[in-house]
Amino acid sequence: MQSKQTGRIGAALIWCAVIAAIVVPVVAASTSPLLAWRDPIYILAGFAGIVAMCLMLLQPLLIAGYLPGTPKVIGQRVHRMVGAALVIAIIIHVAGLWITSPPDVMDALLFVSPTAFSVWGVIAMWAVFAAALLATFRKRLRLGFRTWRRAHLVFAVITVAGTVTHALLIEGTMETITKILLCALVVLATAKIILDLWVSAARRRRGT
């Protein structure tokens, strides 16, 4: 009885931590004084980018079944839904920036922007799109599961690396400490799933 209660408390704490990791950076960004000088479309684009990073934290937790009370099958389904939401958030982010400043977005897309964070943002964007297309057309591509998973994971890692670098280089709406913590959590969650896959593969090799 006590072990079950302890498990429930632990599960509740994990969920509270995940929710806080997502909500706190958004709330902190909403209090930024820089918002007073921004157009509504620019603000929408910026918050779409923040939401996208929050969704990236959920992706490895969902696909690996790290969230308590979430069966792995359900986690995988939600992972696909969150992936679609991530793509939409990025499209809104880029479209909003395009409306407010087309030359800057064009320079970024052509990799001629003088700001390094733009380059990393574009790399992350294309990696997200590649991962999404790979997931959507998995059956048509006729890739073996392991090959597909490795390719999908590579694009996911590029997405995380590009997004985190992009966010850390920007001095904008996001509050510094909460931004750093969110970036760290995204990296740690991604690293955890990579480590788990590596350990699993090592065990299979030893068993053969």
Protein backbone atom coordinates (compact mmCIF):
# COMPACT_ATOMS: atom_id res chain seq x y z
CA MET A 1 0.00 0.00 0.00
CA GLN A 2 2.77 2.39 0.95
CA SER A 3 4.75 1.58 -2.20
CA LYS A 4 1.70 2.37 -4.34
CA GLN A 5 1.21 5.67 -2.57
CA THR A 6 4.88 6.50 -3.00
CA GLY A 7 4.62 5.65 -6.68
CA ARG A 8 1.62 7.95 -7.08
CA ILE A 9 3.44 10.79 -5.36
CA GLY A 10 6.46 10.24 -7.60
CA ALA A 11 4.27 10.21 -10.70
CA ALA A 12 2.51 13.39 -9.59
CA LEU A 13 5.85 15.11 -9.01
CA ILE A 14 7.08 14.13 -12.47
CA TRP A 15 3.94 15.48 -14.11
CA CYS A 16 4.16 18.69 -12.07
CA ALA A 17 7.78 19.13 -13.12
CA VAL A 18 6.96 18.60 -16.81
CA ILE A 19 4.01 20.99 -16.68
CA ALA A 20 6.08 23.60 -14.86
CA ALA A 21 8.90 23.23 -17.40
CA ILE A 22 6.41 24.06 -20.15
CA VAL A 23 4.22 26.68 -18.49
CA VAL A 24 6.82 28.74 -16.60
CA PRO A 25 8.89 29.80 -19.66
CA VAL A 26 5.72 30.83 -21.51
CA VAL A 27 4.43 32.85 -18.54
CA ALA A 28 7.84 34.44 -18.02
CA ALA A 29 7.99 35.43 -21.69
CA SER A 30 4.51 36.97 -21.46
CA THR A 31 5.83 39.45 -18.88
CA SER A 32 8.73 40.63 -21.04
CA PRO A 33 8.88 44.43 -21.42
CA LEU A 34 9.96 43.93 -25.03
CA LEU A 35 6.39 42.92 -25.92
CA ALA A 36 5.31 46.54 -25.60
CA TRP A 37 7.33 47.41 -28.69
CA ARG A 38 6.28 44.47 -30.86
CA ASP A 39 3.48 44.09 -33.40
CA PRO A 40 0.80 41.46 -32.62
CA ILE A 41 1.92 39.26 -35.51
CA TYR A 42 5.52 39.38 -34.33
CA ILE A 43 4.41 38.45 -30.81
CA LEU A 44 2.37 35.53 -32.19
CA ALA A 45 5.38 34.35 -34.17
CA GLY A 46 7.62 34.57 -31.14
CA PHE A 47 5.30 32.63 -28.88
CA ALA A 48 4.81 30.00 -31.58
CA GLY A 49 8.57 29.47 -31.40
CA ILE A 50 8.42 29.15 -27.61
CA VAL A 51 5.57 26.65 -27.85
CA ALA A 52 7.56 24.67 -30.41
CA MET A 53 10.44 24.32 -27.97
CA CYS A 54 8.06 23.20 -25.23
CA LEU A 55 6.65 20.55 -27.56
CA MET A 56 10.19 19.32 -28.22
CA LEU A 57 10.50 18.53 -24.53
CA LEU A 58 7.42 16.31 -24.73
CA GLN A 59 8.50 14.33 -27.79
CA PRO A 60 11.19 12.10 -26.26
CA LEU A 61 9.18 11.70 -23.07
CA LEU A 62 6.18 10.46 -25.02
CA ILE A 63 7.89 8.13 -27.48
CA ALA A 64 9.96 6.43 -24.78
CA GLY A 65 7.10 6.12 -22.29
CA TYR A 66 8.82 8.19 -19.61
CA LEU A 67 5.63 9.93 -18.51
CA PRO A 68 3.93 8.04 -15.64
CA GLY A 69 0.51 6.61 -16.34
CA THR A 70 0.94 6.86 -20.09
CA PRO A 71 1.08 3.46 -21.83
CA LYS A 72 3.74 3.33 -24.50
CA VAL A 73 1.19 2.76 -27.28
CA ILE A 74 -0.76 5.86 -26.28
CA GLY A 75 2.49 7.78 -25.87
CA GLN A 76 3.46 6.92 -29.44
CA ARG A 77 0.11 8.13 -30.77
CA VAL A 78 0.35 11.38 -28.84
CA HIS A 79 3.95 11.69 -30.04
CA ARG A 80 2.69 11.79 -33.62
CA MET A 81 0.04 14.38 -32.73
CA VAL A 82 2.58 16.54 -30.91
CA GLY A 83 4.87 16.19 -33.92
CA ALA A 84 2.14 17.59 -36.16
CA ALA A 85 1.55 20.43 -33.69
CA LEU A 86 5.30 21.11 -33.69
CA VAL A 87 5.33 21.48 -37.47
CA ILE A 88 2.34 23.84 -37.32
CA ALA A 89 3.97 25.93 -34.58
CA ILE A 90 7.13 26.30 -36.66
CA ILE A 91 5.16 27.28 -39.75
CA ILE A 92 3.33 29.96 -37.72
CA HIS A 93 6.66 31.12 -36.30
CA VAL A 94 8.30 31.49 -39.70
CA ALA A 95 5.18 32.87 -41.42
CA GLY A 96 4.75 35.53 -38.74
CA LEU A 97 8.36 36.61 -39.07
CA TRP A 98 7.97 36.66 -42.86
CA ILE A 99 4.98 39.00 -42.60
CA THR A 100 6.82 41.39 -40.30
CA SER A 101 10.20 41.27 -42.06
CA PRO A 102 10.41 39.37 -45.38
CA PRO A 103 14.04 40.35 -46.16
CA ASP A 104 15.33 38.96 -42.86
CA VAL A 105 13.50 35.66 -43.34
CA MET A 106 14.70 35.39 -46.93
CA ASP A 107 18.30 35.98 -45.86
CA ALA A 108 17.91 33.30 -43.19
CA LEU A 109 16.43 30.78 -45.62
CA LEU A 110 19.28 31.43 -48.05
CA PHE A 111 21.85 31.13 -45.23
CA VAL A 112 23.19 34.63 -45.86
CA SER A 113 21.83 36.21 -42.67
CA PRO A 114 24.44 38.09 -40.61
CA THR A 115 22.89 36.73 -37.40
CA ALA A 116 24.07 33.24 -36.42
CA PHE A 117 20.85 32.39 -34.60
CA SER A 118 18.93 32.66 -37.88
CA VAL A 119 21.10 30.00 -39.50
CA TRP A 120 20.59 27.59 -36.61
CA GLY A 121 16.87 28.25 -36.66
CA VAL A 122 16.61 27.38 -40.35
CA ILE A 123 18.66 24.21 -39.86
CA ALA A 124 16.31 23.16 -37.07
CA MET A 125 13.26 23.96 -39.20
CA TRP A 126 14.36 21.80 -42.12
CA ALA A 127 15.29 19.00 -39.74
CA VAL A 128 11.79 19.09 -38.22
CA PHE A 129 10.21 18.97 -41.66
CA ALA A 130 12.47 16.08 -42.67
CA ALA A 131 11.60 14.12 -39.52
CA ALA A 132 7.89 14.75 -40.08
CA LEU A 133 8.04 13.69 -43.74
CA LEU A 134 9.99 10.59 -42.79
CA ALA A 135 7.32 9.67 -40.24
CA THR A 136 4.48 10.40 -42.67
CA PHE A 137 5.88 8.41 -45.59
CA ARG A 138 7.54 5.65 -43.60
CA LYS A 139 5.58 2.84 -45.27
CA ARG A 140 6.04 4.23 -48.78
CA LEU A 141 9.77 4.55 -48.29
CA ARG A 142 9.91 0.85 -47.40
CA LEU A 143 12.67 1.36 -44.89
CA GLY A 144 13.41 -1.22 -42.24
CA PHE A 145 12.31 -0.16 -38.77
CA ARG A 146 15.84 0.21 -37.42
CA THR A 147 16.98 2.23 -40.45
CA TRP A 148 13.91 4.44 -40.24
CA ARG A 149 14.31 4.95 -36.49
CA ARG A 150 17.96 5.90 -36.84
CA ALA A 151 17.20 8.41 -39.58
CA HIS A 152 14.29 9.86 -37.62
CA LEU A 153 16.48 10.13 -34.53
CA VAL A 154 19.26 11.87 -36.46
CA PHE A 155 16.82 14.53 -37.67
CA ALA A 156 15.45 14.86 -34.14
CA VAL A 157 18.94 15.42 -32.73
CA ILE A 158 19.68 18.04 -35.41
CA THR A 159 16.37 19.70 -34.56
CA VAL A 160 17.18 19.85 -30.86
CA ALA A 161 20.75 21.05 -31.40
CA GLY A 162 19.66 23.70 -33.88
CA THR A 163 16.71 24.89 -31.80
CA VAL A 164 18.65 25.11 -28.54
CA THR A 165 21.49 27.01 -30.20
CA HIS A 166 18.97 29.26 -31.95
CA ALA A 167 17.19 30.04 -28.68
CA LEU A 168 20.33 30.62 -26.60
CA LEU A 169 21.79 33.03 -29.15
CA ILE A 170 18.67 35.19 -29.19
CA GLU A 171 18.28 37.96 -26.64
CA GLY A 172 14.56 38.46 -26.93
CA THR A 173 11.23 37.80 -25.29
CA MET A 174 12.15 34.65 -23.37
CA GLU A 175 13.42 35.17 -19.83
CA THR A 176 17.05 34.06 -19.62
CA ILE A 177 17.00 31.58 -16.72
CA THR A 178 13.79 29.82 -17.72
CA LYS A 179 15.03 29.65 -21.30
CA ILE A 180 18.31 28.04 -20.27
CA LEU A 181 16.50 25.55 -18.04
CA LEU A 182 14.05 24.61 -20.80
CA CYS A 183 16.91 24.17 -23.27
CA ALA A 184 18.78 21.99 -20.77
CA LEU A 185 15.72 19.81 -20.20
CA VAL A 186 15.16 19.35 -23.93
CA VAL A 187 18.78 18.29 -24.37
CA LEU A 188 18.70 15.95 -21.36
CA ALA A 189 15.45 14.29 -22.46
CA THR A 190 16.86 13.74 -25.95
CA ALA A 191 20.16 12.45 -24.57
CA LYS A 192 18.28 10.05 -22.28
CA ILE A 193 16.42 8.38 -25.13
CA ILE A 194 19.65 8.10 -27.15
CA LEU A 195 21.38 6.47 -24.18
CA ASP A 196 18.49 4.06 -23.68
CA LEU A 197 18.54 3.06 -27.34
CA TRP A 198 22.31 2.55 -27.22
CA VAL A 199 22.05 0.38 -24.09
CA SER A 200 19.21 -1.63 -25.66
CA ALA A 201 21.21 -2.20 -28.84
CA ALA A 202 24.27 -3.25 -26.80
CA ARG A 203 22.18 -5.79 -24.89
CA ARG A 204 20.80 -7.25 -28.12
CA ARG A 205 24.34 -7.63 -29.49
CA ARG A 206 25.47 -9.42 -26.35
CA GLY A 207 22.46 -11.71 -26.56
CA THR A 208 23.21 -12.87 -30.10
